């Protein structure tokens, strides 16, 4: 187990929660305080839509069609910004397949890696994770549910739990 100070965090929002879902938004919290966020225009064969997911994300398919960027543009931005880096996800089991779907649709390789956040969390950090995350979420009081905001909250929670449990 090793510690990373201020790790890069990635969060992916999707059209639903099942195997037919696809990425609709990517958010990244970098280690220098910067954030990256992009809505994704659905590919023609990406048709699955879950109204429950829409309510959670507050993003309609119409919004994606108007404001979303084409998959190749999102992928190129991610690769240019993150090439050679390792990012961490608190939902790796779903985020990684959605990223695979995105990069496959763009026909490009992913030039960065994504690992489960648990790879860098200690048991002590895990034991206070949810309580700490709830406190940070209330403190930052973000009014919009966005992938980059989620990534930032995860990053802040990691840093706070690391500080609180550092022996």
Protein backbone atom coordinates (compact mmCIF):
# COMPACT_ATOMS: atom_id res chain seq x y z
CA UNK A 1 0.00 0.00 0.00
CA UNK A 2 1.38 3.37 -0.94
CA UNK A 3 0.05 6.86 -0.41
CA UNK A 4 -0.48 9.38 -3.15
CA UNK A 5 -0.87 13.01 -2.26
CA UNK A 6 -3.77 14.55 -4.16
CA UNK A 7 -4.37 11.76 -6.72
CA UNK A 8 -5.98 12.38 -10.10
CA UNK A 9 -9.62 11.28 -9.88
CA UNK A 10 -11.97 10.41 -12.73
CA UNK A 11 -15.75 10.08 -12.60
CA UNK A 12 -18.06 8.92 -15.37
CA UNK A 13 -21.79 9.52 -15.56
CA UNK A 14 -23.84 7.25 -17.80
CA UNK A 15 -27.18 6.86 -19.54
CA UNK A 16 -28.22 4.19 -17.08
CA UNK A 17 -26.96 1.55 -14.72
CA UNK A 18 -27.01 -1.60 -16.84
CA UNK A 19 -24.86 -3.24 -19.49
CA UNK A 20 -26.49 -1.29 -22.33
CA UNK A 21 -25.61 2.08 -20.80
CA UNK A 22 -22.95 4.39 -22.19
CA UNK A 23 -20.98 7.41 -20.95
CA UNK A 24 -22.70 10.79 -21.07
CA UNK A 25 -20.23 12.88 -19.05
CA UNK A 26 -16.61 12.61 -17.94
CA UNK A 27 -15.15 14.57 -15.04
CA UNK A 28 -11.57 14.70 -13.80
CA UNK A 29 -9.99 16.37 -10.78
CA UNK A 30 -6.29 16.97 -11.46
CA UNK A 31 -3.72 17.27 -8.69
CA UNK A 32 -3.13 20.98 -9.26
CA UNK A 33 -6.70 22.05 -8.48
CA UNK A 34 -7.85 22.09 -12.10
CA UNK A 35 -10.92 20.20 -13.28
CA UNK A 36 -11.90 18.79 -16.64
CA UNK A 37 -15.52 18.12 -17.54
CA UNK A 38 -17.23 17.26 -20.79
CA UNK A 39 -20.68 16.20 -21.86
CA UNK A 40 -20.68 13.52 -24.54
CA UNK A 41 -22.90 13.48 -27.59
CA UNK A 42 -24.35 9.97 -27.89
CA UNK A 43 -23.27 7.85 -30.83
CA UNK A 44 -26.13 6.83 -33.20
CA UNK A 45 -26.16 3.26 -31.85
CA UNK A 46 -26.16 4.41 -28.21
CA UNK A 47 -29.91 4.32 -27.69
CA UNK A 48 -30.44 2.99 -24.15
CA UNK A 49 -31.81 5.63 -21.80
CA UNK A 50 -32.84 5.27 -18.15
CA UNK A 51 -35.13 7.98 -16.79
CA UNK A 52 -33.91 7.29 -13.25
CA UNK A 53 -30.34 8.08 -14.31
CA UNK A 54 -31.59 11.25 -16.03
CA UNK A 55 -33.17 12.43 -12.77
CA UNK A 56 -29.99 11.74 -10.80
CA UNK A 57 -27.70 13.50 -13.30
CA UNK A 58 -30.23 16.13 -14.34
CA UNK A 59 -29.06 15.63 -17.92
CA UNK A 60 -31.52 14.85 -20.68
CA UNK A 61 -30.66 13.25 -23.98
CA UNK A 62 -31.66 16.55 -25.63
CA UNK A 63 -29.06 18.43 -23.55
CA UNK A 64 -26.41 15.91 -24.64
CA UNK A 65 -27.41 16.31 -28.29
CA UNK A 66 -27.11 20.11 -28.05
CA UNK A 67 -24.11 20.56 -25.72
CA UNK A 68 -22.31 17.22 -25.87
CA UNK A 69 -19.01 16.91 -27.71
CA UNK A 70 -18.37 14.14 -30.24
CA UNK A 71 -16.67 11.08 -28.75
CA UNK A 72 -13.45 11.56 -30.73
CA UNK A 73 -13.13 15.12 -29.42
CA UNK A 74 -13.63 14.06 -25.78
CA UNK A 75 -11.18 11.17 -26.17
CA UNK A 76 -8.56 13.42 -27.78
CA UNK A 77 -8.89 15.97 -24.95
CA UNK A 78 -8.57 13.25 -22.31
CA UNK A 79 -5.53 11.70 -23.98
CA UNK A 80 -3.83 15.09 -24.45
CA UNK A 81 -4.39 16.03 -20.80
CA UNK A 82 -3.82 12.67 -19.11
CA UNK A 83 -1.31 10.76 -21.26
CA UNK A 84 0.88 8.48 -19.17
CA UNK A 85 -0.94 9.19 -15.92
CA UNK A 86 -2.85 6.93 -13.56
CA UNK A 87 -6.26 8.11 -12.45
CA UNK A 88 -8.37 6.61 -9.70
CA UNK A 89 -12.10 5.91 -9.65
CA UNK A 90 -14.39 5.16 -6.73
CA UNK A 91 -16.66 3.32 -9.18
CA UNK A 92 -14.01 1.56 -11.24
CA UNK A 93 -16.20 -1.49 -11.88
CA UNK A 94 -18.58 0.68 -13.96
CA UNK A 95 -16.37 3.64 -14.91
CA UNK A 96 -13.74 1.48 -16.64
CA UNK A 97 -16.25 -0.26 -18.98
CA UNK A 98 -17.85 3.11 -19.82
CA UNK A 99 -14.40 4.51 -20.67
CA UNK A 100 -13.74 1.42 -22.79
CA UNK A 101 -17.03 2.06 -24.61
CA UNK A 102 -16.06 5.70 -25.19
CA UNK A 103 -12.58 4.95 -26.54
CA UNK A 104 -13.84 2.06 -28.66
CA UNK A 105 -16.45 4.33 -30.27
CA UNK A 106 -13.73 6.88 -31.05
CA UNK A 107 -11.43 4.19 -32.45
CA UNK A 108 -8.55 5.40 -30.33
CA UNK A 109 -6.42 3.85 -27.57
CA UNK A 110 -6.61 5.18 -24.03
CA UNK A 111 -3.23 6.75 -23.24
CA UNK A 112 -3.74 6.78 -19.47
CA UNK A 113 -4.73 4.16 -16.95
CA UNK A 114 -7.58 3.96 -14.47
CA UNK A 115 -7.34 2.04 -11.20
CA UNK A 116 -9.76 1.41 -8.37
CA UNK A 117 -9.49 4.01 -5.62
CA UNK A 118 -9.30 1.15 -3.14
CA UNK A 119 -5.78 0.46 -4.42
CA UNK A 120 -4.52 3.52 -2.54
CA UNK A 121 -6.92 3.59 0.43
CA UNK A 122 -5.95 2.16 3.78
CA UNK A 123 -8.44 0.33 5.96
CA UNK A 124 -8.44 3.33 8.31
CA UNK A 125 -9.34 5.63 5.44
CA UNK A 126 -12.12 3.30 4.33
CA UNK A 127 -13.55 3.22 7.84
CA UNK A 128 -14.16 6.99 7.83
CA UNK A 129 -14.75 7.44 4.09
CA UNK A 130 -18.54 7.83 3.94
CA UNK A 131 -18.81 10.12 6.96
CA UNK A 132 -15.97 12.30 5.65
CA UNK A 133 -17.44 12.42 2.13
CA UNK A 134 -20.84 13.45 3.50
CA UNK A 135 -19.23 16.28 5.49
CA UNK A 136 -17.24 17.52 2.49
CA UNK A 137 -20.30 17.36 0.24
CA UNK A 138 -22.18 19.58 2.69
CA UNK A 139 -19.23 21.98 3.04
CA UNK A 140 -18.66 22.54 -0.68
CA UNK A 141 -22.41 22.87 -1.28
CA UNK A 142 -22.28 22.38 -5.03
CA UNK A 143 -25.67 23.00 -6.57
CA UNK A 144 -25.18 21.00 -9.78
CA UNK A 145 -24.52 17.29 -9.97
CA UNK A 146 -21.60 17.17 -12.42
CA UNK A 147 -18.93 14.54 -12.97
CA UNK A 148 -16.09 17.00 -12.31
CA UNK A 149 -17.69 18.07 -9.03
CA UNK A 150 -18.01 14.43 -8.02
CA UNK A 151 -14.35 13.85 -8.90
CA UNK A 152 -13.32 16.87 -6.83
CA UNK A 153 -15.33 15.68 -3.82
CA UNK A 154 -13.75 12.22 -4.10
CA UNK A 155 -10.29 13.80 -4.28
CA UNK A 156 -11.00 16.03 -1.27
CA UNK A 157 -12.35 13.04 0.66
CA UNK A 158 -9.23 11.02 -0.11
CA UNK A 159 -6.98 13.85 1.06
CA UNK A 160 -8.99 14.46 4.23
CA UNK A 161 -9.14 10.77 5.17
CA UNK A 162 -5.41 10.44 4.53
CA UNK A 163 -4.68 13.43 6.75
CA UNK A 164 -7.04 12.18 9.48
CA UNK A 165 -5.51 8.69 9.55
CA UNK A 166 -1.83 9.50 8.98
CA UNK A 167 0.09 7.81 11.78
